[in-house]
């Protein structure tokens, strides 16, 4: 029998590794469900009497290792369903919990039977299509450290949820269902979001432009943009291990204004813009604590049709960071980095495991990341993070193939702008 090529064997072993990892995560979710059920039972001895069908299930399901997780739709009736909320951190936490339900007349109550206020939002099948069989309900939970709380959800005629309101820019939705939606042109109405801490202002494309601190009413430029990196025309080109760009990043260009969807609700509001390669969402929570002071940024990236391009998100601010920025080291220590103009561009890109920030004497801008990515600060006041790469050639580092097996990728960030007070004690 003819021996298989090294490239083919590598593909087989890699796919097996991904499959094993996916099955491990699936089994881990089952163990979490078993453990949570045991912890909430008053009679621990009754645990063994529960069948497999009675065990808790996670609200997110993933069909394969290459697909994005999808929320489970909880089927409601007059018989209550039970939702267990967990706080895995070692601090008290106030958070918004969101789940999908099958009925617009959902009612949520605590384990003691006390009604809980909810926000009901639309579930979107596509950018302009609303699901008629699923609805998102969101409610506020206050959790002790490493705590579990049980909530009851049922279908009730006495339900009175707060319906989110929508403003649609440069587009239309045919079947609006139970929701109030207003159609406008981006030039006719400013796009803003605000809570008790901060006000956000967006441009006509739905991209963040400015943050206004409500404590002192100061305006801060915090501008989100997207850009492309190409690869050099020399013999050695970018690949799985090498980043060899053809110069500075080029702006992401679109010929017409994208469809922008603005949602405003009781517990959170957001702005979602639909670009050709990125679905970009900025969400602001109307709650106390760090969740209300920071801005959630979500990007769904799809560059599967591109060739030799890398897409980056750039955040530009008025912070005078000069040539210095900071990244974390494996989620522990913070490491100062220096952007050096005498080095090639790629030499100024560093790994970011959980966070990166820039600062001056008055302010600090922090980008917290749910995934590990490459980050840089090539100009003063900028943070740039590379979100996905599609490269068609091998870079001669042992992989023997390019990066052309891309999937639709989800990136989640938190953006936090803080005031700083520099300690001048002992200085003259």
Protein backbone atom coordinates (compact mmCIF):
# COMPACT_ATOMS: atom_id res chain seq x y z
CA UNK A 1 0.00 0.00 0.00
CA UNK A 2 1.29 3.44 -0.90
CA UNK A 3 2.31 5.50 2.12
CA UNK A 4 0.09 8.53 2.73
CA UNK A 5 1.70 11.95 2.42
CA UNK A 6 2.85 13.83 5.51
CA UNK A 7 0.35 16.58 4.80
CA UNK A 8 -2.56 14.12 4.69
CA UNK A 9 -1.49 12.43 7.95
CA UNK A 10 -1.16 15.82 9.62
CA UNK A 11 -4.74 16.69 8.58
CA UNK A 12 -6.03 13.39 10.02
CA UNK A 13 -4.25 13.84 13.36
CA UNK A 14 -5.33 17.46 13.64
CA UNK A 15 -8.99 16.66 12.97
CA UNK A 16 -8.84 13.84 15.53
CA UNK A 17 -7.37 16.24 18.09
CA UNK A 18 -10.14 18.76 17.47
CA UNK A 19 -12.77 16.02 17.76
CA UNK A 20 -11.31 14.76 21.05
CA UNK A 21 -11.25 18.28 22.43
CA UNK A 22 -14.86 18.84 21.35
CA UNK A 23 -16.00 15.60 23.02
CA UNK A 24 -14.06 16.56 26.17
CA UNK A 25 -15.88 19.88 26.36
CA UNK A 26 -19.23 18.14 25.82
CA UNK A 27 -18.51 15.72 28.66
CA UNK A 28 -17.33 18.59 30.88
CA UNK A 29 -20.70 20.33 30.41
CA UNK A 30 -22.44 17.15 31.56
CA UNK A 31 -20.27 17.00 34.67
CA UNK A 32 -21.11 20.64 35.44
CA UNK A 33 -24.80 19.75 35.18
CA UNK A 34 -24.40 16.73 37.49
CA UNK A 35 -22.48 18.82 40.04
CA UNK A 36 -24.92 21.75 40.00
CA UNK A 37 -27.88 19.41 40.53
CA UNK A 38 -26.20 17.78 43.52
CA UNK A 39 -25.40 21.18 45.07
CA UNK A 40 -28.95 22.55 44.81
CA UNK A 41 -30.67 19.43 46.17
CA UNK A 42 -31.79 19.72 49.78
CA UNK A 43 -31.78 15.94 50.15
CA UNK A 44 -28.42 14.81 48.76
CA UNK A 45 -29.42 11.16 49.13
CA UNK A 46 -32.09 11.59 46.46
CA UNK A 47 -29.48 12.40 43.82
CA UNK A 48 -29.13 8.78 42.69
CA UNK A 49 -32.87 8.56 42.03
CA UNK A 50 -32.68 11.11 39.21
CA UNK A 51 -32.61 9.71 35.69
CA UNK A 52 -30.52 11.10 32.85
CA UNK A 53 -33.52 13.06 31.51
CA UNK A 54 -33.89 14.93 34.81
CA UNK A 55 -30.34 16.28 34.85
CA UNK A 56 -29.50 19.89 34.11
CA UNK A 57 -28.47 20.91 30.62
CA UNK A 58 -26.38 23.89 29.49
CA UNK A 59 -28.12 26.77 27.71
CA UNK A 60 -25.52 26.75 24.90
CA UNK A 61 -25.18 23.87 22.45
CA UNK A 62 -22.57 23.31 19.77
CA UNK A 63 -23.28 20.86 16.95
CA UNK A 64 -19.64 20.38 15.91
CA UNK A 65 -16.16 21.66 16.70
CA UNK A 66 -16.32 23.97 13.68
CA UNK A 67 -19.66 25.62 14.41
CA UNK A 68 -20.58 28.50 16.72
CA UNK A 69 -22.50 27.71 19.94
CA UNK A 70 -26.25 28.31 19.73
CA UNK A 71 -28.64 29.06 22.58
CA UNK A 72 -31.17 26.40 23.48
CA UNK A 73 -34.81 27.50 23.21
CA UNK A 74 -36.60 26.62 26.48
CA UNK A 75 -40.09 25.28 25.71
CA UNK A 76 -42.56 26.87 28.12
CA UNK A 77 -45.96 25.79 29.45
CA UNK A 78 -48.05 26.35 32.58
CA UNK A 79 -45.72 23.86 34.28
CA UNK A 80 -42.58 25.73 35.45
CA UNK A 81 -39.12 25.06 34.05
CA UNK A 82 -36.13 25.63 36.31
CA UNK A 83 -33.04 27.66 35.47
CA UNK A 84 -29.89 27.39 37.59
CA UNK A 85 -27.54 30.40 37.45
CA UNK A 86 -23.93 29.99 38.60
CA UNK A 87 -21.35 32.59 39.67
CA UNK A 88 -17.92 30.95 39.10
CA UNK A 89 -15.96 33.94 40.42
CA UNK A 90 -14.86 34.60 44.00
CA UNK A 91 -16.63 37.96 44.22
CA UNK A 92 -20.21 39.15 44.59
CA UNK A 93 -21.58 39.85 41.15
CA UNK A 94 -24.55 41.62 39.57
CA UNK A 95 -25.11 40.44 36.00
CA UNK A 96 -27.73 40.23 33.29
CA UNK A 97 -28.77 36.68 32.40
CA UNK A 98 -30.33 36.05 28.96
CA UNK A 99 -32.06 32.88 27.74
CA UNK A 100 -34.27 31.95 24.79
CA UNK A 101 -37.88 30.88 25.43
CA UNK A 102 -40.68 29.65 23.17
CA UNK A 103 -43.42 32.05 24.31
CA UNK A 104 -43.81 35.86 24.42
CA UNK A 105 -45.83 35.50 27.65
CA UNK A 106 -42.94 34.29 29.80
CA UNK A 107 -42.85 34.90 33.52
CA UNK A 108 -39.76 34.57 35.73
CA UNK A 109 -39.74 34.20 39.51
CA UNK A 110 -37.17 33.38 42.15
CA UNK A 111 -37.09 30.05 43.98
CA UNK A 112 -39.27 31.59 46.70
CA UNK A 113 -41.88 32.67 44.14
CA UNK A 114 -41.05 36.40 44.00
CA UNK A 115 -41.65 37.83 40.47
CA UNK A 116 -38.58 39.06 38.60
CA UNK A 117 -38.61 41.95 36.09
CA UNK A 118 -37.60 40.89 32.59
CA UNK A 119 -36.64 42.48 29.28
CA UNK A 120 -37.91 40.70 26.16
CA UNK A 121 -35.91 41.06 22.96
CA UNK A 122 -36.23 39.64 19.48
CA UNK A 123 -34.28 36.57 18.37
CA UNK A 124 -32.83 37.25 14.92
CA UNK A 125 -32.49 34.43 12.40
CA UNK A 126 -30.76 36.79 9.96
CA UNK A 127 -29.92 40.49 9.98
CA UNK A 128 -33.48 41.41 8.91
CA UNK A 129 -35.52 38.33 9.90
CA UNK A 130 -37.07 37.80 13.33
CA UNK A 131 -37.83 34.36 14.72
CA UNK A 132 -41.54 33.81 15.32
CA UNK A 133 -40.93 30.81 17.60
CA UNK A 134 -38.23 32.12 19.96
CA UNK A 135 -37.84 35.16 22.21
CA UNK A 136 -34.95 36.33 24.37
CA UNK A 137 -35.71 37.20 27.99
CA UNK A 138 -33.14 38.98 30.16
CA UNK A 139 -33.24 39.60 33.89
CA UNK A 140 -30.95 40.84 36.64
CA UNK A 141 -29.29 38.45 39.10
CA UNK A 142 -27.18 39.21 42.17
CA UNK A 143 -24.96 36.29 43.04
CA UNK A 144 -22.72 35.49 46.01
CA UNK A 145 -19.18 34.21 45.37
CA UNK A 146 -19.17 30.68 43.89
CA UNK A 147 -22.94 30.69 44.35
CA UNK A 148 -25.92 29.02 42.68
CA UNK A 149 -29.45 30.42 42.34
CA UNK A 150 -32.59 28.78 41.00
CA UNK A 151 -35.24 30.61 38.97
CA UNK A 152 -38.60 29.40 37.68
CA UNK A 153 -39.78 30.20 34.14
CA UNK A 154 -43.31 29.47 32.91
CA UNK A 155 -45.92 30.61 30.41
CA UNK A 156 -48.47 32.91 32.01
CA UNK A 157 -51.29 35.16 30.77
CA UNK A 158 -50.39 37.67 33.50
CA UNK A 159 -46.89 38.15 32.14
CA UNK A 160 -45.93 41.80 31.60
CA UNK A 161 -42.40 41.90 30.10
CA UNK A 162 -40.65 45.08 29.07
CA UNK A 163 -40.37 44.87 25.27
CA UNK A 164 -37.18 46.18 23.72
CA UNK A 165 -37.61 48.91 21.10
CA UNK A 166 -35.74 48.97 17.80
CA UNK A 167 -34.57 51.62 15.38
CA UNK A 168 -33.48 50.35 11.95
CA UNK A 169 -31.05 52.41 9.88
CA UNK A 170 -30.61 51.80 6.12
CA UNK A 171 -32.83 48.72 6.07
CA UNK A 172 -36.19 47.19 6.84
CA UNK A 173 -37.74 44.19 8.58
CA UNK A 174 -40.84 42.65 7.01
CA UNK A 175 -42.47 40.84 9.92
CA UNK A 176 -41.91 42.84 13.11
CA UNK A 177 -43.98 40.53 15.33
CA UNK A 178 -44.78 41.96 18.77
CA UNK A 179 -41.93 44.49 18.72
CA UNK A 180 -42.00 48.20 18.01
CA UNK A 181 -39.60 49.07 15.17
CA UNK A 182 -38.87 52.41 13.57
CA UNK A 183 -37.22 52.81 10.17
CA UNK A 184 -34.92 55.82 9.61
CA UNK A 185 -31.96 56.83 7.51
CA UNK A 186 -28.65 57.20 9.31
CA UNK A 187 -28.44 60.83 8.25
CA UNK A 188 -31.81 61.61 9.89
CA UNK A 189 -31.06 60.55 13.47
CA UNK A 190 -27.96 60.36 15.66
CA UNK A 191 -27.05 56.91 17.00
CA UNK A 192 -26.40 56.99 20.74
CA UNK A 193 -26.55 54.67 23.75
CA UNK A 194 -26.35 55.65 27.40
CA UNK A 195 -26.70 54.45 30.96
CA UNK A 196 -26.02 56.12 34.33
CA UNK A 197 -22.22 55.99 33.80
CA UNK A 198 -21.48 56.70 30.17
CA UNK A 199 -22.94 57.87 26.88
CA UNK A 200 -21.77 56.42 23.56
CA UNK A 201 -21.96 58.15 20.21
CA UNK A 202 -21.71 56.27 16.89
CA UNK A 203 -21.12 57.30 13.30
CA UNK A 204 -23.57 56.64 10.45
CA UNK A 205 -22.05 53.20 9.90
CA UNK A 206 -22.83 52.07 13.46
CA UNK A 207 -19.19 52.22 14.61
CA UNK A 208 -18.27 53.75 17.97
CA UNK A 209 -16.85 57.27 17.79
CA UNK A 210 -16.99 58.83 21.23
CA UNK A 211 -17.47 58.04 24.93
CA UNK A 212 -18.85 60.71 27.27
CA UNK A 213 -18.21 60.25 30.99
CA UNK A 214 -21.37 61.34 32.82
CA UNK A 215 -19.49 62.03 36.05
CA UNK A 216 -17.59 65.00 34.63
CA UNK A 217 -19.33 65.36 31.19
CA UNK A 218 -15.98 65.06 29.40
CA UNK A 219 -15.91 63.82 25.80
CA UNK A 220 -13.30 61.18 24.91
CA UNK A 221 -12.50 60.05 21.39
CA UNK A 222 -12.76 56.24 21.28
CA UNK A 223 -13.08 55.31 17.62
CA UNK A 224 -13.56 51.74 16.37
CA UNK A 225 -12.43 50.92 12.83
CA UNK A 226 -11.62 47.80 10.83
CA UNK A 227 -8.64 47.33 8.52
CA UNK A 228 -6.93 44.80 6.27
CA UNK A 229 -3.35 43.56 6.19
CA UNK A 230 -2.01 42.02 3.01
CA UNK A 231 1.18 39.98 2.66
CA UNK A 232 4.55 40.91 1.22
CA UNK A 233 5.38 40.26 -2.43
CA UNK A 234 8.78 38.81 -1.50
CA UNK A 235 9.67 35.13 -1.56
CA UNK A 236 8.74 34.51 2.08
CA UNK A 237 5.10 35.40 2.70
CA UNK A 238 2.74 35.34 5.66
CA UNK A 239 1.63 31.90 6.82
CA UNK A 240 0.50 30.03 9.89
CA UNK A 241 3.61 31.02 11.87
CA UNK A 242 4.85 34.17 10.13
CA UNK A 243 3.25 37.61 9.90
CA UNK A 244 4.88 39.42 6.98
CA UNK A 245 2.57 42.29 5.96
CA UNK A 246 2.96 44.39 2.84
CA UNK A 247 3.01 47.59 4.87
CA UNK A 248 0.61 49.43 7.14
CA UNK A 249 -2.98 48.29 7.38
CA UNK A 250 -5.44 49.55 4.76
CA UNK A 251 -8.87 50.81 5.89
CA UNK A 252 -11.90 48.56 5.58
CA UNK A 253 -13.90 50.14 2.73
CA UNK A 254 -17.63 49.77 1.95
CA UNK A 255 -19.44 51.52 -0.87
CA UNK A 256 -22.85 51.94 0.78
CA UNK A 257 -23.84 52.52 4.39
CA UNK A 258 -24.37 49.19 6.18
CA UNK A 259 -27.60 48.08 7.79
CA UNK A 260 -27.56 49.23 11.43
CA UNK A 261 -29.90 47.89 14.11
CA UNK A 262 -30.31 49.80 17.39
CA UNK A 263 -31.97 48.10 20.35
CA UNK A 264 -32.96 49.84 23.59
CA UNK A 265 -34.23 47.97 26.62
CA UNK A 266 -34.53 47.96 30.39
CA UNK A 267 -31.31 46.08 31.20
CA UNK A 268 -29.19 46.55 28.07
CA UNK A 269 -29.10 48.41 24.79
CA UNK A 270 -26.92 47.76 21.77
CA UNK A 271 -25.97 48.86 18.26
CA UNK A 272 -25.32 46.17 15.62
CA UNK A 273 -23.91 46.94 12.18
CA UNK A 274 -23.68 44.39 9.39
CA UNK A 275 -20.56 44.69 7.25
CA UNK A 276 -19.66 42.23 4.51
CA UNK A 277 -17.07 40.39 6.63
CA UNK A 278 -18.01 41.41 10.19
CA UNK A 279 -21.17 41.57 12.25
CA UNK A 280 -20.14 44.17 14.83
CA UNK A 281 -22.15 44.76 18.01
CA UNK A 282 -21.57 47.23 20.84
CA UNK A 283 -23.67 46.59 23.95
CA UNK A 284 -24.14 48.81 27.01
CA UNK A 285 -25.63 47.32 30.19
CA UNK A 286 -27.90 49.45 32.35
CA UNK A 287 -26.72 48.02 35.69
CA UNK A 288 -24.37 48.95 38.51
CA UNK A 289 -20.77 47.78 38.85
CA UNK A 290 -18.08 47.19 36.27
CA UNK A 291 -20.57 45.64 33.81
CA UNK A 292 -22.31 49.00 33.54
CA UNK A 293 -19.11 51.04 33.36
CA UNK A 294 -17.55 49.02 30.53
CA UNK A 295 -18.68 48.48 26.93
CA UNK A 296 -19.15 45.00 25.48
CA UNK A 297 -17.87 44.56 21.91
CA UNK A 298 -18.76 41.48 19.88
CA UNK A 299 -17.50 40.62 16.38
CA UNK A 300 -18.64 37.69 14.21
CA UNK A 301 -15.94 37.44 11.53
CA UNK A 302 -16.19 35.59 8.21
CA UNK A 303 -13.28 35.97 5.76
CA UNK A 304 -13.59 32.59 4.06
CA UNK A 305 -13.81 34.20 0.60
CA UNK A 306 -10.67 36.30 1.00
CA UNK A 307 -7.13 35.53 -0.20
CA UNK A 308 -3.94 36.51 1.63
CA UNK A 309 -5.64 39.01 3.91
CA UNK A 310 -5.81 39.52 7.67
CA UNK A 311 -8.55 41.53 9.33
CA UNK A 312 -7.92 43.72 12.37
CA UNK A 313 -10.00 45.89 14.70
CA UNK A 314 -8.39 49.22 15.56
CA UNK A 315 -9.44 51.39 18.51
CA UNK A 316 -8.16 54.98 18.27
CA UNK A 317 -8.32 57.35 21.21
CA UNK A 318 -7.01 60.74 22.36
CA UNK A 319 -4.85 59.10 25.05
CA UNK A 320 -1.22 60.22 24.78
CA UNK A 321 0.32 56.76 25.15
CA UNK A 322 3.27 57.64 22.86
CA UNK A 323 5.06 54.37 22.00
CA UNK A 324 4.18 52.33 25.09
CA UNK A 325 1.41 49.83 25.75
CA UNK A 326 0.79 46.88 28.07
CA UNK A 327 -0.28 43.26 27.61
CA UNK A 328 -0.83 40.45 30.06
CA UNK A 329 1.48 37.45 30.29
CA UNK A 330 -0.56 34.23 30.35
CA UNK A 331 -3.33 36.03 32.24
CA UNK A 332 -1.08 36.84 35.22
CA UNK A 333 1.56 39.57 35.10
CA UNK A 334 1.28 42.75 33.04
CA UNK A 335 4.17 43.27 30.65
CA UNK A 336 5.11 46.74 29.29
CA UNK A 337 5.74 46.84 25.54
CA UNK A 338 7.54 49.43 23.44
CA UNK A 339 6.62 50.13 19.82
CA UNK A 340 9.91 50.69 18.02
CA UNK A 341 9.84 52.39 14.61
CA UNK A 342 13.24 51.01 13.62
CA UNK A 343 11.86 47.45 13.75
CA UNK A 344 9.59 45.89 11.10
CA UNK A 345 5.89 46.29 11.73
CA UNK A 346 5.45 42.61 12.65
CA UNK A 347 8.07 42.91 15.42
CA UNK A 348 5.72 45.24 17.31
CA UNK A 349 2.85 42.73 17.52
CA UNK A 350 2.57 40.80 20.81
CA UNK A 351 0.29 38.06 22.17
CA UNK A 352 -2.68 39.16 24.26
CA UNK A 353 -4.12 36.39 26.43
CA UNK A 354 -6.77 38.32 28.36
CA UNK A 355 -6.09 42.07 28.20
CA UNK A 356 -4.14 44.99 26.77
CA UNK A 357 -4.20 48.68 27.68
CA UNK A 358 -2.76 52.09 26.92
CA UNK A 359 -2.56 55.04 29.31
CA UNK A 360 -1.31 58.53 30.01
CA UNK A 361 -1.26 60.56 33.21
CA UNK A 362 -5.03 61.11 33.20
CA UNK A 363 -6.72 58.08 31.62
CA UNK A 364 -6.35 54.38 30.91
CA UNK A 365 -8.11 52.52 28.08
CA UNK A 366 -8.29 48.75 28.58
CA UNK A 367 -9.33 46.10 26.07
CA UNK A 368 -10.29 42.86 27.84
CA UNK A 369 -10.52 39.81 25.59
CA UNK A 370 -12.35 36.50 25.91
CA UNK A 371 -9.86 34.86 23.50
CA UNK A 372 -6.12 35.01 22.82
CA UNK A 373 -5.17 37.24 19.88
CA UNK A 374 -2.29 39.31 18.56
CA UNK A 375 -2.25 42.96 19.62
CA UNK A 376 -0.21 46.07 18.88
CA UNK A 377 -0.18 49.83 19.38
CA UNK A 378 1.53 51.18 16.30
CA UNK A 379 0.58 54.82 16.95
CA UNK A 380 -0.06 56.83 20.08
CA UNK A 381 -3.58 56.28 21.45
CA UNK A 382 -4.23 53.13 19.41
CA UNK A 383 -4.93 49.51 20.25
CA UNK A 384 -5.08 47.15 17.31
CA UNK A 385 -6.07 43.49 17.55
CA UNK A 386 -5.86 40.95 14.69
CA UNK A 387 -9.07 38.89 14.65
CA UNK A 388 -8.61 36.40 11.80
CA UNK A 389 -6.13 35.46 9.06
CA UNK A 390 -6.55 33.75 5.69
CA UNK A 391 -3.28 32.94 3.94
CA UNK A 392 -2.92 30.76 0.87
CA UNK A 393 0.69 29.55 1.10
CA UNK A 394 2.96 27.65 3.46
CA UNK A 395 5.55 29.73 5.32
CA UNK A 396 8.15 26.92 5.39
CA UNK A 397 7.94 26.35 9.13
CA UNK A 398 6.81 22.72 9.08
CA UNK A 399 3.04 22.95 8.65
CA UNK A 400 3.22 22.37 4.88
CA UNK A 401 0.01 24.26 4.16
CA UNK A 402 -1.47 27.74 4.38
CA UNK A 403 -4.27 29.04 6.59
CA UNK A 404 -7.32 28.41 4.43
CA UNK A 405 -9.57 26.29 6.64
CA UNK A 406 -11.20 29.30 8.30
CA UNK A 407 -14.51 29.07 10.14
CA UNK A 408 -16.96 31.78 11.15
CA UNK A 409 -15.23 33.20 14.22
CA UNK A 410 -16.74 34.88 17.29
CA UNK A 411 -14.66 37.47 19.16
CA UNK A 412 -15.81 39.02 22.44
CA UNK A 413 -14.24 42.03 24.17
CA UNK A 414 -14.82 44.54 26.95
CA UNK A 415 -13.72 48.15 26.56
CA UNK A 416 -13.11 50.11 29.76
CA UNK A 417 -12.11 53.78 30.03
CA UNK A 418 -10.87 54.81 33.49
CA UNK A 419 -9.63 58.00 35.12
CA UNK A 420 -6.14 57.88 36.62
CA UNK A 421 -4.62 59.81 39.50
CA UNK A 422 -0.83 59.75 39.44
CA UNK A 423 0.76 59.56 42.89
CA UNK A 424 3.03 62.58 43.35
CA UNK A 425 3.93 61.97 47.01
CA UNK A 426 7.64 62.49 47.56
CA UNK A 427 8.13 64.24 44.23
CA UNK A 428 9.30 67.85 43.95
